[in-house]
Amino acid sequence: MRFWGKIKIEDRITTDVTLEDKDFLNALSAICDRLDLSKPIICAKHHAEIKSFRRTVFYADDFVETVDFDTLEIEIIGKSKKKKI
């Protein structure tokens, strides 16, 4: 699967990265590494959103450390395949 991670400030994409991975958690970790971010707290809501909508949003409150952006959005892009994540 292809994942697109984007940092937004006031609904504008300031930084983004795309990568291939088979697993959401691995992709999230790699995206955070590439964007030089700490890992966010992952809730059941994030898993449900990525499965249902192929997209989830992490807010500044989802990070333990202070961040200088409004949201980190993770989206699965490309062909829609009916595989479990």
C-alpha atoms as a PDB file:
ATOM      1  CA  MET A   1       0.000   0.000   0.000  1.00  0.00           C
ATOM      2  CA  ARG A   2       1.080   3.553  -0.579  1.00  0.00           C
ATOM      3  CA  PHE A   3       0.781   5.953   2.366  1.00  0.00           C
ATOM      4  CA  TRP A   4       0.756   9.742   2.196  1.00  0.00           C
ATOM      5  CA  GLY A   5       1.661  11.652   5.347  1.00  0.00           C
ATOM      6  CA  LYS A   6       1.091  15.388   5.429  1.00  0.00           C
ATOM      7  CA  ILE A   7       1.643  18.057   8.034  1.00  0.00           C
ATOM      8  CA  LYS A   8      -0.921  20.842   7.967  1.00  0.00           C
ATOM      9  CA  ILE A   9      -1.018  24.288   9.496  1.00  0.00           C
ATOM     10  CA  GLU A  10      -4.314  26.165   9.120  1.00  0.00           C
ATOM     11  CA  ASP A  11      -5.486  23.659   6.456  1.00  0.00           C
ATOM     12  CA  ARG A  12      -2.372  24.151   4.307  1.00  0.00           C
ATOM     13  CA  ILE A  13       0.030  21.316   3.619  1.00  0.00           C
ATOM     14  CA  THR A  14       3.465  22.457   4.749  1.00  0.00           C
ATOM     15  CA  THR A  15       5.341  19.155   4.440  1.00  0.00           C
ATOM     16  CA  ASP A  16       4.456  15.771   3.013  1.00  0.00           C
ATOM     17  CA  VAL A  17       5.975  12.370   2.321  1.00  0.00           C
ATOM     18  CA  THR A  18       4.808   9.224   0.539  1.00  0.00           C
ATOM     19  CA  LEU A  19       6.033   5.690   1.034  1.00  0.00           C
ATOM     20  CA  GLU A  20       5.166   2.061   0.409  1.00  0.00           C
ATOM     21  CA  ASP A  21       4.459  -0.325   3.261  1.00  0.00           C
ATOM     22  CA  LYS A  22       2.181  -3.242   4.056  1.00  0.00           C
ATOM     23  CA  ASP A  23       1.269  -2.154   7.576  1.00  0.00           C
ATOM     24  CA  PHE A  24      -0.257   1.056   8.938  1.00  0.00           C
ATOM     25  CA  LEU A  25       1.848   1.111  12.114  1.00  0.00           C
ATOM     26  CA  ASN A  26       5.112   0.587  10.221  1.00  0.00           C
ATOM     27  CA  ALA A  27       4.131   3.288   7.735  1.00  0.00           C
ATOM     28  CA  LEU A  28       3.241   5.718  10.519  1.00  0.00           C
ATOM     29  CA  SER A  29       6.579   5.084  12.205  1.00  0.00           C
ATOM     30  CA  ALA A  30       8.490   5.605   8.934  1.00  0.00           C
ATOM     31  CA  ILE A  31       6.551   8.792   8.150  1.00  0.00           C
ATOM     32  CA  CYS A  32       7.297  10.189  11.608  1.00  0.00           C
ATOM     33  CA  ASP A  33      10.983   9.316  11.190  1.00  0.00           C
ATOM     34  CA  ARG A  34      11.163  11.042   7.799  1.00  0.00           C
ATOM     35  CA  LEU A  35       9.356  14.120   9.101  1.00  0.00           C
ATOM     36  CA  ASP A  36      11.495  14.146  12.281  1.00  0.00           C
ATOM     37  CA  LEU A  37       8.473  13.779  14.592  1.00  0.00           C
ATOM     38  CA  SER A  38       7.878  11.844  17.760  1.00  0.00           C
ATOM     39  CA  LYS A  39       5.373   9.004  17.420  1.00  0.00           C
ATOM     40  CA  PRO A  40       1.784  10.021  18.233  1.00  0.00           C
ATOM     41  CA  ILE A  41      -0.485   8.190  20.628  1.00  0.00           C
ATOM     42  CA  ILE A  42      -2.499   5.751  18.531  1.00  0.00           C
ATOM     43  CA  CYS A  43      -6.097   5.178  19.621  1.00  0.00           C
ATOM     44  CA  ALA A  44      -8.759   2.751  18.435  1.00  0.00           C
ATOM     45  CA  LYS A  45     -10.286   5.712  16.576  1.00  0.00           C
ATOM     46  CA  HIS A  46      -7.218   5.941  14.316  1.00  0.00           C
ATOM     47  CA  HIS A  47      -7.353   2.242  13.435  1.00  0.00           C
ATOM     48  CA  ALA A  48     -11.092   2.451  12.726  1.00  0.00           C
ATOM     49  CA  GLU A  49     -10.688   5.531  10.506  1.00  0.00           C
ATOM     50  CA  ILE A  50      -7.851   4.057   8.460  1.00  0.00           C
ATOM     51  CA  LYS A  51      -9.837   0.837   7.909  1.00  0.00           C
ATOM     52  CA  SER A  52     -13.119   2.564   7.066  1.00  0.00           C
ATOM     53  CA  PHE A  53     -12.024   5.733   5.289  1.00  0.00           C
ATOM     54  CA  ARG A  54      -8.382   5.009   4.295  1.00  0.00           C
ATOM     55  CA  ARG A  55      -7.460   8.216   6.165  1.00  0.00           C
ATOM     56  CA  THR A  56      -6.869   9.334   9.747  1.00  0.00           C
ATOM     57  CA  VAL A  57      -5.862  12.553  11.462  1.00  0.00           C
ATOM     58  CA  PHE A  58      -3.542  13.076  14.417  1.00  0.00           C
ATOM     59  CA  TYR A  59      -3.953  16.398  16.243  1.00  0.00           C
ATOM     60  CA  ALA A  60      -1.301  18.191  18.279  1.00  0.00           C
ATOM     61  CA  ASP A  61      -2.910  16.748  21.433  1.00  0.00           C
ATOM     62  CA  ASP A  62      -2.122  13.216  20.166  1.00  0.00           C
ATOM     63  CA  PHE A  63       1.603  13.879  20.613  1.00  0.00           C
ATOM     64  CA  VAL A  64       3.379  13.757  23.964  1.00  0.00           C
ATOM     65  CA  GLU A  65       5.919  16.342  22.837  1.00  0.00           C
ATOM     66  CA  THR A  66       4.934  19.831  21.719  1.00  0.00           C
ATOM     67  CA  VAL A  67       4.535  20.127  17.948  1.00  0.00           C
ATOM     68  CA  ASP A  68       4.412  23.228  15.746  1.00  0.00           C
ATOM     69  CA  PHE A  69       1.591  22.157  13.432  1.00  0.00           C
ATOM     70  CA  ASP A  70      -2.163  21.595  13.612  1.00  0.00           C
ATOM     71  CA  THR A  71      -2.525  18.082  12.168  1.00  0.00           C
ATOM     72  CA  LEU A  72      -0.647  15.099  10.811  1.00  0.00           C
ATOM     73  CA  GLU A  73      -2.841  13.320   8.288  1.00  0.00           C
ATOM     74  CA  ILE A  74      -2.132   9.806   7.078  1.00  0.00           C
ATOM     75  CA  GLU A  75      -3.920   8.604   3.962  1.00  0.00           C
ATOM     76  CA  ILE A  76      -3.769   5.417   1.913  1.00  0.00           C
ATOM     77  CA  ILE A  77      -3.527   6.438  -1.725  1.00  0.00           C
ATOM     78  CA  GLY A  78      -3.777   4.467  -4.919  1.00  0.00           C
ATOM     79  CA  LYS A  79      -6.021   1.597  -5.843  1.00  0.00           C
ATOM     80  CA  SER A  80      -8.585   0.497  -3.322  1.00  0.00           C
ATOM     81  CA  LYS A  81      -7.980  -3.125  -2.373  1.00  0.00           C
ATOM     82  CA  LYS A  82     -10.153  -5.026   0.033  1.00  0.00           C
ATOM     83  CA  LYS A  83      -7.405  -6.213   2.356  1.00  0.00           C
ATOM     84  CA  LYS A  84      -7.348  -6.008   6.107  1.00  0.00           C
ATOM     85  CA  ILE A  85      -4.839  -3.583   7.557  1.00  0.00           C
END
